[in-house]
Amino acid sequence: MNSLDPQLRDFILFCVERRGADWPALYDEMAMVAGQRLFNGLGRAELKQLGLSLALDSVDRTLELVKQAIAQGQQA
């Protein structure tokens, strides 16, 4: 498993803490947090640079990143 960028991992875990890991509630939370830049000022553009797209055509990839982040968070 590839290691996620720590900022990206922490963004996802922040959203999981706020809303839980159930989909699509987590997706909605990530979109809202990014839209309001509630986590370290990261918005959609910055998240995309880190490898996370919140576009609907990228949902499969987003789910994989969520799984990786949760797994890494459990190892910490």
N, C-alpha and C. Protein backbone atom coordinates (compact mmCIF):
# COMPACT_ATOMS: atom_id res chain seq x y z
N MET A 1 0.85 -1.18 0.00
CA MET A 1 0.00 0.00 0.00
C MET A 1 0.89 1.24 0.00
N ASN A 2 0.62 2.16 -0.87
CA ASN A 2 1.36 3.40 -0.92
C ASN A 2 0.96 4.30 0.23
N SER A 3 1.94 5.02 0.74
CA SER A 3 1.67 5.94 1.83
C SER A 3 1.08 7.22 1.27
N LEU A 4 0.03 7.69 1.90
CA LEU A 4 -0.59 8.94 1.47
C LEU A 4 0.23 10.12 1.95
N ASP A 5 0.09 11.24 1.26
CA ASP A 5 0.64 12.48 1.77
C ASP A 5 0.04 12.71 3.15
N PRO A 6 0.85 13.05 4.14
CA PRO A 6 0.32 13.23 5.50
C PRO A 6 -0.81 14.26 5.60
N GLN A 7 -0.73 15.33 4.83
CA GLN A 7 -1.80 16.33 4.85
C GLN A 7 -3.11 15.75 4.33
N LEU A 8 -3.01 14.96 3.28
CA LEU A 8 -4.19 14.35 2.69
C LEU A 8 -4.79 13.33 3.66
N ARG A 9 -3.95 12.50 4.24
CA ARG A 9 -4.41 11.52 5.22
C ARG A 9 -5.10 12.23 6.39
N ASP A 10 -4.48 13.30 6.89
CA ASP A 10 -5.05 14.01 8.03
C ASP A 10 -6.35 14.71 7.67
N PHE A 11 -6.47 15.21 6.45
CA PHE A 11 -7.72 15.81 5.99
C PHE A 11 -8.84 14.78 6.01
N ILE A 12 -8.56 13.60 5.47
CA ILE A 12 -9.58 12.55 5.42
C ILE A 12 -9.96 12.12 6.83
N LEU A 13 -8.97 11.91 7.69
CA LEU A 13 -9.26 11.49 9.06
C LEU A 13 -10.02 12.57 9.83
N PHE A 14 -9.72 13.82 9.57
CA PHE A 14 -10.46 14.93 10.17
C PHE A 14 -11.94 14.84 9.79
N CYS A 15 -12.20 14.58 8.53
CA CYS A 15 -13.58 14.46 8.06
C CYS A 15 -14.26 13.22 8.63
N VAL A 16 -13.52 12.12 8.74
CA VAL A 16 -14.07 10.91 9.33
C VAL A 16 -14.44 11.16 10.79
N GLU A 17 -13.58 11.86 11.53
CA GLU A 17 -13.88 12.18 12.92
C GLU A 17 -15.15 13.00 13.05
N ARG A 18 -15.34 13.93 12.13
CA ARG A 18 -16.50 14.82 12.18
C ARG A 18 -17.80 14.13 11.79
N ARG A 19 -17.74 13.21 10.82
CA ARG A 19 -18.97 12.68 10.22
C ARG A 19 -19.08 11.17 10.23
N GLY A 20 -17.98 10.47 10.48
CA GLY A 20 -17.99 9.02 10.38
C GLY A 20 -17.55 8.57 9.00
N ALA A 21 -17.36 7.28 8.84
CA ALA A 21 -16.82 6.74 7.58
C ALA A 21 -17.90 6.27 6.62
N ASP A 22 -19.17 6.44 6.96
CA ASP A 22 -20.24 5.98 6.08
C ASP A 22 -20.32 6.86 4.83
N TRP A 23 -20.43 6.18 3.72
CA TRP A 23 -20.55 6.84 2.41
C TRP A 23 -22.01 6.92 2.06
N PRO A 24 -22.58 7.97 1.54
CA PRO A 24 -21.97 9.19 1.01
C PRO A 24 -21.86 10.34 2.01
N ALA A 25 -22.21 10.13 3.28
CA ALA A 25 -22.10 11.22 4.26
C ALA A 25 -20.67 11.73 4.36
N LEU A 26 -19.69 10.83 4.29
CA LEU A 26 -18.30 11.25 4.35
C LEU A 26 -17.94 12.10 3.14
N TYR A 27 -18.39 11.70 1.97
CA TYR A 27 -18.14 12.51 0.76
C TYR A 27 -18.69 13.91 0.95
N ASP A 28 -19.92 14.01 1.44
CA ASP A 28 -20.54 15.33 1.66
C ASP A 28 -19.71 16.15 2.63
N GLU A 29 -19.23 15.50 3.69
CA GLU A 29 -18.40 16.21 4.69
C GLU A 29 -17.10 16.69 4.07
N MET A 30 -16.44 15.83 3.28
CA MET A 30 -15.18 16.24 2.65
C MET A 30 -15.40 17.42 1.72
N ALA A 31 -16.48 17.38 0.95
CA ALA A 31 -16.78 18.49 0.04
C ALA A 31 -17.05 19.77 0.81
N MET A 32 -17.79 19.69 1.91
CA MET A 32 -18.10 20.86 2.71
C MET A 32 -16.84 21.42 3.38
N VAL A 33 -16.03 20.53 3.97
CA VAL A 33 -14.80 20.97 4.63
C VAL A 33 -13.86 21.63 3.61
N ALA A 34 -13.72 21.04 2.45
CA ALA A 34 -12.87 21.62 1.41
C ALA A 34 -13.44 22.96 0.92
N GLY A 35 -14.74 23.00 0.73
CA GLY A 35 -15.36 24.23 0.24
C GLY A 35 -15.20 25.39 1.19
N GLN A 36 -15.18 25.10 2.48
CA GLN A 36 -15.03 26.15 3.48
C GLN A 36 -13.60 26.25 4.02
N ARG A 37 -12.71 25.41 3.49
CA ARG A 37 -11.29 25.40 3.88
C ARG A 37 -11.13 25.27 5.39
N LEU A 38 -11.86 24.34 5.97
CA LEU A 38 -11.88 24.18 7.42
C LEU A 38 -10.70 23.39 7.97
N PHE A 39 -9.97 22.70 7.12
CA PHE A 39 -8.82 21.93 7.59
C PHE A 39 -7.54 22.53 7.01
N ASN A 40 -6.81 23.22 7.85
CA ASN A 40 -5.52 23.83 7.47
C ASN A 40 -5.59 24.66 6.21
N GLY A 41 -6.75 25.23 5.91
CA GLY A 41 -6.91 26.09 4.74
C GLY A 41 -6.94 25.35 3.41
N LEU A 42 -7.02 24.01 3.45
CA LEU A 42 -7.03 23.24 2.20
C LEU A 42 -8.39 23.32 1.53
N GLY A 43 -8.36 23.69 0.25
CA GLY A 43 -9.56 23.71 -0.57
C GLY A 43 -9.46 22.64 -1.64
N ARG A 44 -10.42 22.66 -2.54
CA ARG A 44 -10.45 21.64 -3.59
C ARG A 44 -9.18 21.61 -4.44
N ALA A 45 -8.67 22.79 -4.79
CA ALA A 45 -7.48 22.84 -5.65
C ALA A 45 -6.27 22.23 -4.94
N GLU A 46 -6.09 22.57 -3.66
CA GLU A 46 -4.96 22.03 -2.91
C GLU A 46 -5.09 20.53 -2.71
N LEU A 47 -6.30 20.07 -2.45
CA LEU A 47 -6.52 18.63 -2.29
C LEU A 47 -6.25 17.89 -3.60
N LYS A 48 -6.64 18.49 -4.69
CA LYS A 48 -6.39 17.87 -6.00
C LYS A 48 -4.89 17.74 -6.25
N GLN A 49 -4.13 18.76 -5.84
CA GLN A 49 -2.67 18.68 -5.99
C GLN A 49 -2.08 17.56 -5.14
N LEU A 50 -2.74 17.27 -4.02
CA LEU A 50 -2.28 16.18 -3.14
C LEU A 50 -2.78 14.81 -3.60
N GLY A 51 -3.65 14.79 -4.63
CA GLY A 51 -4.10 13.53 -5.20
C GLY A 51 -5.55 13.18 -4.93
N LEU A 52 -6.30 14.09 -4.29
CA LEU A 52 -7.70 13.81 -3.98
C LEU A 52 -8.60 14.72 -4.81
N SER A 53 -9.36 14.12 -5.70
CA SER A 53 -10.35 14.86 -6.46
C SER A 53 -11.72 14.56 -5.87
N LEU A 54 -12.51 15.60 -5.69
CA LEU A 54 -13.87 15.41 -5.20
C LEU A 54 -14.89 15.40 -6.33
N ALA A 55 -14.39 15.28 -7.56
CA ALA A 55 -15.28 15.18 -8.72
C ALA A 55 -15.99 13.83 -8.68
N LEU A 56 -17.24 13.83 -9.10
CA LEU A 56 -18.03 12.59 -9.05
C LEU A 56 -17.45 11.49 -9.93
N ASP A 57 -16.75 11.86 -10.98
CA ASP A 57 -16.17 10.82 -11.84
C ASP A 57 -14.90 10.20 -11.23
N SER A 58 -14.51 10.68 -10.05
CA SER A 58 -13.34 10.15 -9.35
C SER A 58 -13.70 9.45 -8.05
N VAL A 59 -14.95 9.12 -7.88
CA VAL A 59 -15.42 8.54 -6.62
C VAL A 59 -14.69 7.24 -6.28
N ASP A 60 -14.44 6.38 -7.24
CA ASP A 60 -13.75 5.12 -6.96
C ASP A 60 -12.36 5.38 -6.37
N ARG A 61 -11.63 6.28 -6.97
CA ARG A 61 -10.29 6.64 -6.48
C ARG A 61 -10.40 7.27 -5.09
N THR A 62 -11.38 8.13 -4.88
CA THR A 62 -11.57 8.78 -3.58
C THR A 62 -11.83 7.74 -2.51
N LEU A 63 -12.68 6.76 -2.80
CA LEU A 63 -12.95 5.69 -1.84
C LEU A 63 -11.68 4.92 -1.48
N GLU A 64 -10.83 4.67 -2.45
CA GLU A 64 -9.57 3.98 -2.18
C GLU A 64 -8.68 4.81 -1.26
N LEU A 65 -8.63 6.11 -1.49
CA LEU A 65 -7.83 6.99 -0.63
C LEU A 65 -8.38 7.01 0.78
N VAL A 66 -9.70 7.01 0.91
CA VAL A 66 -10.33 6.98 2.23
C VAL A 66 -9.94 5.70 2.96
N LYS A 67 -10.01 4.57 2.27
CA LYS A 67 -9.63 3.30 2.88
C LYS A 67 -8.18 3.31 3.34
N GLN A 68 -7.29 3.85 2.50
CA GLN A 68 -5.87 3.94 2.86
C GLN A 68 -5.68 4.83 4.08
N ALA A 69 -6.34 5.98 4.10
CA ALA A 69 -6.19 6.91 5.22
C ALA A 69 -6.67 6.29 6.52
N ILE A 70 -7.80 5.61 6.48
CA ILE A 70 -8.33 4.97 7.68
C ILE A 70 -7.39 3.88 8.16
N ALA A 71 -6.87 3.09 7.23
CA ALA A 71 -5.92 2.03 7.60
C ALA A 71 -4.66 2.62 8.22
N GLN A 72 -4.14 3.67 7.64
CA GLN A 72 -2.95 4.31 8.18
C GLN A 72 -3.23 4.95 9.54
N GLY A 73 -4.42 5.50 9.70
CA GLY A 73 -4.81 6.10 10.98
C GLY A 73 -4.91 5.08 12.07
N GLN A 74 -5.32 3.86 11.73
CA GLN A 74 -5.44 2.78 12.71
C GLN A 74 -4.08 2.24 13.11
N GLN A 75 -3.10 2.38 12.23
CA GLN A 75 -1.75 1.92 12.53
C GLN A 75 -1.01 2.88 13.44
N ALA A 76 -1.42 4.13 13.44
CA ALA A 76 -0.71 5.17 14.22
C ALA A 76 -0.95 5.02 15.71
